[in-house]
C-alpha atoms as a PDB file:
ATOM      1  CA  MET A   1      -0.073   0.037   0.217  1.00  0.00           C
ATOM      2  CA  SER A   2       1.201   3.433  -0.817  1.00  0.00           C
ATOM      3  CA  PRO A   3       2.310   5.707   2.102  1.00  0.00           C
ATOM      4  CA  ASN A   4       0.182   8.463   0.494  1.00  0.00           C
ATOM      5  CA  ARG A   5      -3.074   6.619   0.289  1.00  0.00           C
ATOM      6  CA  PRO A   6      -5.211   6.569   3.365  1.00  0.00           C
ATOM      7  CA  ARG A   7      -5.962   3.311   4.992  1.00  0.00           C
ATOM      8  CA  MET A   8      -9.309   2.054   4.812  1.00  0.00           C
ATOM      9  CA  THR A   9     -11.243   0.268   7.379  1.00  0.00           C
ATOM     10  CA  LYS A  10     -13.199  -2.804   6.469  1.00  0.00           C
ATOM     11  CA  GLY A  11     -16.327  -1.133   7.435  1.00  0.00           C
ATOM     12  CA  ARG A  12     -15.875   1.803   5.389  1.00  0.00           C
ATOM     13  CA  SER A  13     -14.837  -0.188   2.501  1.00  0.00           C
ATOM     14  CA  PHE A  14     -18.186  -2.063   2.814  1.00  0.00           C
ATOM     15  CA  VAL A  15     -20.048   1.241   3.128  1.00  0.00           C
ATOM     16  CA  GLN A  16     -18.663   2.493  -0.171  1.00  0.00           C
ATOM     17  CA  GLN A  17     -19.372  -0.781  -1.713  1.00  0.00           C
ATOM     18  CA  LEU A  18     -22.935  -0.447  -0.595  1.00  0.00           C
ATOM     19  CA  VAL A  19     -23.174   3.019  -2.111  1.00  0.00           C
ATOM     20  CA  LEU A  20     -21.778   1.974  -5.430  1.00  0.00           C
ATOM     21  CA  VAL A  21     -24.452  -0.787  -5.521  1.00  0.00           C
ATOM     22  CA  PHE A  22     -27.204   1.376  -4.577  1.00  0.00           C
ATOM     23  CA  PHE A  23     -26.220   3.964  -7.398  1.00  0.00           C
ATOM     24  CA  LEU A  24     -25.955   1.311  -9.911  1.00  0.00           C
ATOM     25  CA  VAL A  25     -29.329  -0.170  -9.195  1.00  0.00           C
ATOM     26  CA  LEU A  26     -30.801   3.283  -9.385  1.00  0.00           C
ATOM     27  CA  LEU A  27     -29.025   3.866 -12.809  1.00  0.00           C
ATOM     28  CA  TRP A  28     -30.587   0.601 -13.959  1.00  0.00           C
ATOM     29  CA  VAL A  29     -33.862   1.574 -12.631  1.00  0.00           C
ATOM     30  CA  MET A  30     -33.810   5.019 -14.553  1.00  0.00           C
ATOM     31  CA  LEU A  31     -32.467   3.388 -17.756  1.00  0.00           C
ATOM     32  CA  TRP A  32     -35.623   1.202 -17.715  1.00  0.00           C
ATOM     33  CA  ASP A  33     -37.962   3.656 -16.644  1.00  0.00           C
ATOM     34  CA  SER A  34     -39.814   1.398 -14.376  1.00  0.00           C
ATOM     35  CA  VAL A  35     -39.648   1.017 -10.737  1.00  0.00           C
ATOM     36  CA  SER A  36     -41.068  -2.698 -10.075  1.00  0.00           C
ATOM     37  CA  LEU A  37     -39.706  -5.520  -8.151  1.00  0.00           C
ATOM     38  CA  LEU A  38     -38.323  -7.066 -11.161  1.00  0.00           C
ATOM     39  CA  SER A  39     -36.328  -4.002 -12.214  1.00  0.00           C
ATOM     40  CA  ILE A  40     -35.027  -3.508  -8.693  1.00  0.00           C
ATOM     41  CA  LEU A  41     -34.229  -7.180  -8.292  1.00  0.00           C
ATOM     42  CA  THR A  42     -32.428  -7.516 -11.631  1.00  0.00           C
ATOM     43  CA  GLY A  43     -30.487  -4.318 -10.716  1.00  0.00           C
ATOM     44  CA  VAL A  44     -29.360  -5.581  -7.687  1.00  0.00           C
ATOM     45  CA  ILE A  45     -28.013  -8.776  -9.317  1.00  0.00           C
ATOM     46  CA  LEU A  46     -26.578  -7.047 -12.086  1.00  0.00           C
ATOM     47  CA  ALA A  47     -24.708  -4.501  -9.691  1.00  0.00           C
ATOM     48  CA  LEU A  48     -23.328  -7.194  -7.586  1.00  0.00           C
ATOM     49  CA  VAL A  49     -22.046  -9.059 -10.549  1.00  0.00           C
ATOM     50  CA  VAL A  50     -20.769  -5.780 -12.034  1.00  0.00           C
ATOM     51  CA  THR A  51     -18.826  -5.000  -8.568  1.00  0.00           C
ATOM     52  CA  ARG A  52     -17.354  -8.455  -8.049  1.00  0.00           C
ATOM     53  CA  VAL A  53     -16.226  -9.520 -11.689  1.00  0.00           C
ATOM     54  CA  PHE A  54     -15.302  -6.280 -13.503  1.00  0.00           C
ATOM     55  CA  TYR A  55     -12.604  -3.866 -11.948  1.00  0.00           C
ATOM     56  CA  LEU A  56     -13.923  -0.657 -11.054  1.00  0.00           C
ATOM     57  CA  PRO A  57     -11.878   2.366  -9.625  1.00  0.00           C
ATOM     58  CA  PRO A  58     -12.899   3.021  -6.172  1.00  0.00           C
ATOM     59  CA  VAL A  59     -15.425   5.609  -5.805  1.00  0.00           C
ATOM     60  CA  VAL A  60     -14.250   8.184  -3.413  1.00  0.00           C
ATOM     61  CA  LEU A  61     -16.955   9.903  -1.111  1.00  0.00           C
ATOM     62  CA  SER A  62     -16.653  13.258   0.077  1.00  0.00           C
ATOM     63  CA  GLY A  63     -17.849  12.251   3.449  1.00  0.00           C
ATOM     64  CA  ARG A  64     -20.136  14.972   3.513  1.00  0.00           C
ATOM     65  CA  PHE A  65     -23.818  15.243   2.399  1.00  0.00           C
ATOM     66  CA  ASN A  66     -26.292  18.376   3.097  1.00  0.00           C
ATOM     67  CA  ILE A  67     -29.639  17.304   2.867  1.00  0.00           C
ATOM     68  CA  MET A  68     -31.200  20.782   2.373  1.00  0.00           C
ATOM     69  CA  HIS A  69     -28.979  21.469  -0.862  1.00  0.00           C
ATOM     70  CA  ALA A  70     -29.884  17.885  -1.799  1.00  0.00           C
ATOM     71  CA  ALA A  71     -33.472  18.774  -1.448  1.00  0.00           C
ATOM     72  CA  VAL A  72     -32.848  21.880  -3.519  1.00  0.00           C
ATOM     73  CA  PHE A  73     -31.040  19.927  -6.455  1.00  0.00           C
ATOM     74  CA  GLY A  74     -34.155  17.489  -6.255  1.00  0.00           C
ATOM     75  CA  LEU A  75     -36.633  20.056  -6.819  1.00  0.00           C
ATOM     76  CA  TRP A  76     -34.499  22.229  -9.529  1.00  0.00           C
ATOM     77  CA  PHE A  77     -34.350  18.773 -11.382  1.00  0.00           C
ATOM     78  CA  VAL A  78     -37.761  17.976 -11.294  1.00  0.00           C
ATOM     79  CA  TYR A  79     -38.667  21.594 -12.646  1.00  0.00           C
ATOM     80  CA  SER A  80     -35.870  21.461 -15.563  1.00  0.00           C
ATOM     81  CA  LEU A  81     -37.255  17.963 -16.249  1.00  0.00           C
ATOM     82  CA  VAL A  82     -40.761  19.067 -16.809  1.00  0.00           C
ATOM     83  CA  HIS A  83     -39.833  22.423 -18.169  1.00  0.00           C
ATOM     84  CA  ALA A  84     -37.494  20.947 -20.819  1.00  0.00           C
ATOM     85  CA  SER A  85     -39.913  18.027 -21.841  1.00  0.00           C
ATOM     86  CA  VAL A  86     -42.668  20.524 -22.677  1.00  0.00           C
ATOM     87  CA  GLU A  87     -40.073  22.586 -24.661  1.00  0.00           C
ATOM     88  CA  VAL A  88     -38.859  19.690 -26.564  1.00  0.00           C
ATOM     89  CA  ALA A  89     -42.365  18.560 -27.365  1.00  0.00           C
ATOM     90  CA  TRP A  90     -43.241  22.001 -28.442  1.00  0.00           C
ATOM     91  CA  PHE A  91     -40.063  21.535 -30.956  1.00  0.00           C
ATOM     92  CA  ALA A  92     -42.064  18.648 -32.552  1.00  0.00           C
ATOM     93  CA  PHE A  93     -45.399  20.582 -33.194  1.00  0.00           C
ATOM     94  CA  ARG A  94     -44.312  24.099 -33.996  1.00  0.00           C
ATOM     95  CA  ARG A  95     -44.287  25.064 -37.636  1.00  0.00           C
ATOM     96  CA  ARG A  96     -40.854  26.770 -37.519  1.00  0.00           C
ATOM     97  CA  ALA A  97     -37.802  24.383 -37.874  1.00  0.00           C
ATOM     98  CA  VAL A  98     -35.711  23.485 -34.927  1.00  0.00           C
ATOM     99  CA  GLY A  99     -32.244  25.560 -34.812  1.00  0.00           C
ATOM    100  CA  ALA A 100     -29.006  23.657 -35.428  1.00  0.00           C
ATOM    101  CA  GLY A 101     -27.688  21.916 -32.545  1.00  0.00           C
ATOM    102  CA  SER A 102     -24.288  22.591 -30.967  1.00  0.00           C
ATOM    103  CA  VAL A 103     -21.541  20.561 -29.362  1.00  0.00           C
ATOM    104  CA  ILE A 104     -20.527  22.676 -26.116  1.00  0.00           C
ATOM    105  CA  ALA A 105     -17.385  22.137 -23.748  1.00  0.00           C
ATOM    106  CA  CYS A 106     -17.694  22.717 -20.205  1.00  0.00           C
ATOM    107  CA  ASP A 107     -14.635  22.921 -17.997  1.00  0.00           C
ATOM    108  CA  LEU A 108     -15.966  21.776 -14.702  1.00  0.00           C
ATOM    109  CA  ARG A 109     -14.381  22.954 -11.141  1.00  0.00           C
ATOM    110  CA  THR A 110     -14.804  19.595  -9.528  1.00  0.00           C
ATOM    111  CA  SER A 111     -11.976  17.121  -9.841  1.00  0.00           C
ATOM    112  CA  SER A 112     -14.176  14.284  -8.356  1.00  0.00           C
ATOM    113  CA  ASP A 113     -15.038  11.489 -10.801  1.00  0.00           C
ATOM    114  CA  LEU A 114     -18.311  10.822  -8.962  1.00  0.00           C
ATOM    115  CA  LEU A 115     -19.442  14.461  -9.175  1.00  0.00           C
ATOM    116  CA  MET A 116     -18.303  14.640 -12.981  1.00  0.00           C
ATOM    117  CA  THR A 117     -20.356  11.515 -13.479  1.00  0.00           C
ATOM    118  CA  LEU A 118     -23.523  12.925 -11.586  1.00  0.00           C
ATOM    119  CA  VAL A 119     -23.177  16.300 -13.794  1.00  0.00           C
ATOM    120  CA  ALA A 120     -23.060  14.279 -16.897  1.00  0.00           C
ATOM    121  CA  ASP A 121     -26.044  11.904 -15.899  1.00  0.00           C
ATOM    122  CA  THR A 122     -27.991  14.864 -14.721  1.00  0.00           C
ATOM    123  CA  ALA A 123     -27.418  16.934 -17.935  1.00  0.00           C
ATOM    124  CA  SER A 124     -28.210  13.833 -20.286  1.00  0.00           C
ATOM    125  CA  LEU A 125     -31.458  13.268 -18.356  1.00  0.00           C
ATOM    126  CA  ILE A 126     -32.810  16.687 -19.203  1.00  0.00           C
ATOM    127  CA  PRO A 127     -34.482  16.702 -22.676  1.00  0.00           C
ATOM    128  CA  GLY A 128     -32.511  18.686 -25.108  1.00  0.00           C
ATOM    129  CA  SER A 129     -29.045  17.762 -24.351  1.00  0.00           C
ATOM    130  CA  ILE A 130     -26.843  14.728 -24.068  1.00  0.00           C
ATOM    131  CA  ILE A 131     -23.379  14.145 -23.040  1.00  0.00           C
ATOM    132  CA  ILE A 132     -21.382  12.761 -26.024  1.00  0.00           C
ATOM    133  CA  ASP A 133     -17.643  12.969 -24.556  1.00  0.00           C
ATOM    134  CA  SER A 134     -15.699  13.801 -21.408  1.00  0.00           C
ATOM    135  CA  ASP A 135     -12.027  14.384 -20.861  1.00  0.00           C
ATOM    136  CA  ARG A 136     -11.665  13.083 -17.323  1.00  0.00           C
ATOM    137  CA  ALA A 137      -8.158  14.115 -16.856  1.00  0.00           C
ATOM    138  CA  LEU A 138      -8.970  17.778 -17.446  1.00  0.00           C
ATOM    139  CA  GLY A 139     -12.422  17.772 -16.026  1.00  0.00           C
ATOM    140  CA  ILE A 140     -14.120  18.590 -19.400  1.00  0.00           C
ATOM    141  CA  LEU A 141     -17.664  17.573 -20.578  1.00  0.00           C
ATOM    142  CA  TYR A 142     -18.674  17.733 -24.139  1.00  0.00           C
ATOM    143  CA  LEU A 143     -22.223  17.687 -24.857  1.00  0.00           C
ATOM    144  CA  HIS A 144     -24.854  18.299 -27.613  1.00  0.00           C
ATOM    145  CA  VAL A 145     -27.650  20.841 -27.219  1.00  0.00           C
ATOM    146  CA  LEU A 146     -30.698  20.861 -29.271  1.00  0.00           C
ATOM    147  CA  ASP A 147     -31.699  24.256 -30.886  1.00  0.00           C
ATOM    148  CA  CYS A 148     -28.576  26.037 -29.720  1.00  0.00           C
ATOM    149  CA  ASP A 149     -27.791  28.168 -32.856  1.00  0.00           C
ATOM    150  CA  SER A 150     -26.469  31.292 -31.024  1.00  0.00           C
ATOM    151  CA  GLU A 151     -23.928  32.833 -28.791  1.00  0.00           C
ATOM    152  CA  GLU A 152     -26.774  33.283 -26.275  1.00  0.00           C
ATOM    153  CA  LYS A 153     -28.024  29.890 -26.389  1.00  0.00           C
ATOM    154  CA  ILE A 154     -24.639  28.269 -26.061  1.00  0.00           C
ATOM    155  CA  ARG A 155     -24.074  30.599 -22.973  1.00  0.00           C
ATOM    156  CA  THR A 156     -27.495  29.602 -21.655  1.00  0.00           C
ATOM    157  CA  ALA A 157     -26.683  25.909 -22.058  1.00  0.00           C
ATOM    158  CA  LYS A 158     -23.243  26.133 -20.330  1.00  0.00           C
ATOM    159  CA  ALA A 159     -24.678  28.002 -17.500  1.00  0.00           C
ATOM    160  CA  GLN A 160     -27.159  25.264 -16.691  1.00  0.00           C
ATOM    161  CA  VAL A 161     -24.315  22.545 -16.721  1.00  0.00           C
ATOM    162  CA  TYR A 162     -22.164  24.936 -14.299  1.00  0.00           C
ATOM    163  CA  HIS A 163     -25.517  25.187 -12.182  1.00  0.00           C
ATOM    164  CA  ILE A 164     -25.912  21.497 -11.970  1.00  0.00           C
ATOM    165  CA  GLU A 165     -22.398  21.197 -11.038  1.00  0.00           C
ATOM    166  CA  GLU A 166     -22.764  23.885  -8.349  1.00  0.00           C
ATOM    167  CA  LEU A 167     -25.791  22.298  -6.776  1.00  0.00           C
ATOM    168  CA  LEU A 168     -24.390  19.131  -6.659  1.00  0.00           C
ATOM    169  CA  ILE A 169     -20.925  20.523  -4.994  1.00  0.00           C
ATOM    170  CA  ARG A 170     -23.238  22.051  -2.449  1.00  0.00           C
ATOM    171  CA  ALA A 171     -25.373  18.764  -1.835  1.00  0.00           C
ATOM    172  CA  LEU A 172     -22.248  16.421  -1.560  1.00  0.00           C
ATOM    173  CA  GLY A 173     -19.006  17.648  -2.905  1.00  0.00           C
ATOM    174  CA  SER A 174     -15.822  17.671  -0.831  1.00  0.00           C
ATOM    175  CA  HIS A 175     -14.507  20.679   1.290  1.00  0.00           C
ATOM    176  CA  ARG A 176     -11.852  20.798  -1.907  1.00  0.00           C
ATOM    177  CA  ASP A 177     -14.897  21.335  -4.300  1.00  0.00           C
ATOM    178  CA  LEU A 178     -16.519  23.862  -2.148  1.00  0.00           C
ATOM    179  CA  ALA A 179     -13.150  25.822  -1.984  1.00  0.00           C
ATOM    180  CA  ALA A 180     -13.143  25.463  -5.871  1.00  0.00           C
ATOM    181  CA  LEU A 181     -16.822  26.564  -6.085  1.00  0.00           C
ATOM    182  CA  ARG A 182     -15.641  29.765  -4.029  1.00  0.00           C
ATOM    183  CA  ALA A 183     -12.573  30.360  -6.003  1.00  0.00           C
ATOM    184  CA  ILE A 184     -14.486  30.409  -9.331  1.00  0.00           C
ATOM    185  CA  PRO A 185     -18.028  31.337  -8.830  1.00  0.00           C
ATOM    186  CA  ASP A 186     -18.998  32.232 -12.274  1.00  0.00           C
ATOM    187  CA  PRO A 187     -16.852  29.806 -14.796  1.00  0.00           C
ATOM    188  CA  MET A 188     -18.588  31.776 -17.709  1.00  0.00           C
ATOM    189  CA  HIS A 189     -16.726  34.622 -16.817  1.00  0.00           C
ATOM    190  CA  GLN A 190     -13.577  33.066 -15.571  1.00  0.00           C
ATOM    191  CA  ASN A 191     -13.120  31.379 -19.020  1.00  0.00           C
ATOM    192  CA  GLY A 192     -14.365  34.549 -20.902  1.00  0.00           C
ATOM    193  CA  GLY A 193     -17.581  32.354 -21.868  1.00  0.00           C
ATOM    194  CA  GLU A 194     -15.413  29.738 -23.519  1.00  0.00           C
ATOM    195  CA  GLY A 195     -14.651  26.134 -22.489  1.00  0.00           C
END
């Protein structure tokens, strides 16, 4: 074991494993869009197989969770989901053609793999945008956004991703992530709107 690496107790390792299985089951249920005993049971079985058979990098948890900020994130996510669903449905019925889509890059403030994944999943679950690539080393997410054919729409799409990141950092980010959030409160101005 490396001297720089913190020692983990068996109980801590079990808790981390349990959290990983929980989130894999949650992801499985969301993919099937069905909350049933069968989908949960198959999700648990699949999560256990995946965590036992395949090598997965350790999920590093921050050790903090703010329930108030998590509730704010949950409410914002539900609102955004409904709002974006109505907007995308309107694109299908209106007479005017949908504007061209854009691929945009968002340089995240967090260096956490878990938070980067949660930001990517959240952005992809909101209709009208989907993550197409990520650069883990640099912390950059690339996403395709529907009807994003002007500078203003590109700034709005990036601002949404940065807002998702901020909400998640406030809910479960580490103290390092919170410090990065304070150091760069508005990445749009930090990067001059680029990135």
